[in-house]
């Protein structure tokens, strides 16, 4: 999806300048998940949880991203 790729690139640029932008991480995490960028999604969800606080939605997204990144394996994380 070219529109999503542009949006992701824009948010990535903002996060490079401001890595403590929890809202940016929260916005990009589900986009990474939809794009199949599972390890990056897991990192983004973890950052959003750390910066904004854990929510059921963020924790579920993190779990989903970790399972996809691990090819279905459930690890200690």
C-alpha atoms as a PDB file:
ATOM      1  CA  UNK A   1       0.000   0.000   0.000  1.00  0.00           C
ATOM      2  CA  UNK A   2       1.832   3.136  -1.195  1.00  0.00           C
ATOM      3  CA  UNK A   3      -0.178   5.446   1.068  1.00  0.00           C
ATOM      4  CA  UNK A   4       0.649   3.438   4.161  1.00  0.00           C
ATOM      5  CA  UNK A   5       4.326   3.238   3.170  1.00  0.00           C
ATOM      6  CA  UNK A   6       4.467   7.031   2.975  1.00  0.00           C
ATOM      7  CA  UNK A   7       2.739   7.415   6.320  1.00  0.00           C
ATOM      8  CA  UNK A   8       5.113   4.911   7.927  1.00  0.00           C
ATOM      9  CA  UNK A   9       8.133   6.723   6.472  1.00  0.00           C
ATOM     10  CA  UNK A  10       6.833  10.019   7.844  1.00  0.00           C
ATOM     11  CA  UNK A  11       6.316   8.603  11.349  1.00  0.00           C
ATOM     12  CA  UNK A  12       9.721   6.866  11.214  1.00  0.00           C
ATOM     13  CA  UNK A  13      11.365  10.215  10.415  1.00  0.00           C
ATOM     14  CA  UNK A  14       9.596  11.849  13.369  1.00  0.00           C
ATOM     15  CA  UNK A  15      10.600   9.009  15.689  1.00  0.00           C
ATOM     16  CA  UNK A  16      14.213   9.300  14.573  1.00  0.00           C
ATOM     17  CA  UNK A  17      14.140  12.923  15.740  1.00  0.00           C
ATOM     18  CA  UNK A  18      12.090  12.193  18.882  1.00  0.00           C
ATOM     19  CA  UNK A  19      12.494   8.555  19.982  1.00  0.00           C
ATOM     20  CA  UNK A  20      10.489   9.202  23.165  1.00  0.00           C
ATOM     21  CA  UNK A  21       7.319  10.039  21.228  1.00  0.00           C
ATOM     22  CA  UNK A  22       5.012   7.411  22.682  1.00  0.00           C
ATOM     23  CA  UNK A  23       2.111   8.434  20.458  1.00  0.00           C
ATOM     24  CA  UNK A  24       4.297   7.950  17.388  1.00  0.00           C
ATOM     25  CA  UNK A  25       5.242   4.432  18.504  1.00  0.00           C
ATOM     26  CA  UNK A  26       1.592   3.704  19.301  1.00  0.00           C
ATOM     27  CA  UNK A  27       0.571   4.830  15.799  1.00  0.00           C
ATOM     28  CA  UNK A  28       3.264   2.987  13.875  1.00  0.00           C
ATOM     29  CA  UNK A  29       3.050  -0.352  15.719  1.00  0.00           C
ATOM     30  CA  UNK A  30      -0.193  -1.580  14.089  1.00  0.00           C
ATOM     31  CA  UNK A  31       1.016  -0.320  10.700  1.00  0.00           C
ATOM     32  CA  UNK A  32       4.177  -2.394  11.033  1.00  0.00           C
ATOM     33  CA  UNK A  33       2.027  -5.385  11.982  1.00  0.00           C
ATOM     34  CA  UNK A  34      -0.175  -4.965   8.882  1.00  0.00           C
ATOM     35  CA  UNK A  35       2.922  -4.628   6.702  1.00  0.00           C
ATOM     36  CA  UNK A  36       4.374  -7.882   8.052  1.00  0.00           C
ATOM     37  CA  UNK A  37       7.250  -6.077   9.772  1.00  0.00           C
ATOM     38  CA  UNK A  38       6.756  -8.108  12.927  1.00  0.00           C
ATOM     39  CA  UNK A  39      10.027  -7.482  14.786  1.00  0.00           C
ATOM     40  CA  UNK A  40       9.621  -3.735  14.228  1.00  0.00           C
ATOM     41  CA  UNK A  41       6.006  -3.958  15.380  1.00  0.00           C
ATOM     42  CA  UNK A  42       7.107  -5.693  18.583  1.00  0.00           C
ATOM     43  CA  UNK A  43       9.682  -2.979  19.243  1.00  0.00           C
ATOM     44  CA  UNK A  44       7.132  -0.254  18.559  1.00  0.00           C
ATOM     45  CA  UNK A  45       4.528  -1.821  20.852  1.00  0.00           C
ATOM     46  CA  UNK A  46       7.150  -2.269  23.588  1.00  0.00           C
ATOM     47  CA  UNK A  47       8.173   1.380  23.256  1.00  0.00           C
ATOM     48  CA  UNK A  48       4.551   2.555  23.360  1.00  0.00           C
ATOM     49  CA  UNK A  49       3.910   0.437  26.469  1.00  0.00           C
ATOM     50  CA  UNK A  50       7.029   1.821  28.143  1.00  0.00           C
ATOM     51  CA  UNK A  51       6.319   5.457  27.267  1.00  0.00           C
ATOM     52  CA  UNK A  52       2.516   5.626  27.513  1.00  0.00           C
ATOM     53  CA  UNK A  53       1.744   2.788  29.911  1.00  0.00           C
ATOM     54  CA  UNK A  54       0.467  -0.681  29.259  1.00  0.00           C
ATOM     55  CA  UNK A  55      -3.047  -1.176  27.933  1.00  0.00           C
ATOM     56  CA  UNK A  56      -4.766  -4.430  26.960  1.00  0.00           C
ATOM     57  CA  UNK A  57      -4.709  -3.330  23.304  1.00  0.00           C
ATOM     58  CA  UNK A  58      -0.976  -2.562  23.319  1.00  0.00           C
ATOM     59  CA  UNK A  59      -0.132  -5.753  25.209  1.00  0.00           C
ATOM     60  CA  UNK A  60      -2.199  -7.830  22.767  1.00  0.00           C
ATOM     61  CA  UNK A  61      -0.467  -6.136  19.828  1.00  0.00           C
ATOM     62  CA  UNK A  62       2.926  -6.843  21.376  1.00  0.00           C
ATOM     63  CA  UNK A  63       2.014 -10.499  21.935  1.00  0.00           C
ATOM     64  CA  UNK A  64       0.743 -10.853  18.371  1.00  0.00           C
ATOM     65  CA  UNK A  65       3.847  -9.218  16.904  1.00  0.00           C
ATOM     66  CA  UNK A  66       6.164 -11.415  18.998  1.00  0.00           C
ATOM     67  CA  UNK A  67       4.326 -14.592  17.967  1.00  0.00           C
ATOM     68  CA  UNK A  68       4.463 -13.665  14.274  1.00  0.00           C
ATOM     69  CA  UNK A  69       8.125 -12.677  14.571  1.00  0.00           C
ATOM     70  CA  UNK A  70       8.783 -16.028  16.251  1.00  0.00           C
ATOM     71  CA  UNK A  71       6.918 -17.919  13.504  1.00  0.00           C
ATOM     72  CA  UNK A  72       4.167 -18.978  15.903  1.00  0.00           C
ATOM     73  CA  UNK A  73       6.488 -19.842  18.753  1.00  0.00           C
ATOM     74  CA  UNK A  74       5.529 -18.361  22.111  1.00  0.00           C
ATOM     75  CA  UNK A  75       8.690 -17.248  23.863  1.00  0.00           C
ATOM     76  CA  UNK A  76       9.397 -15.947  27.342  1.00  0.00           C
ATOM     77  CA  UNK A  77       8.579 -12.342  26.370  1.00  0.00           C
END
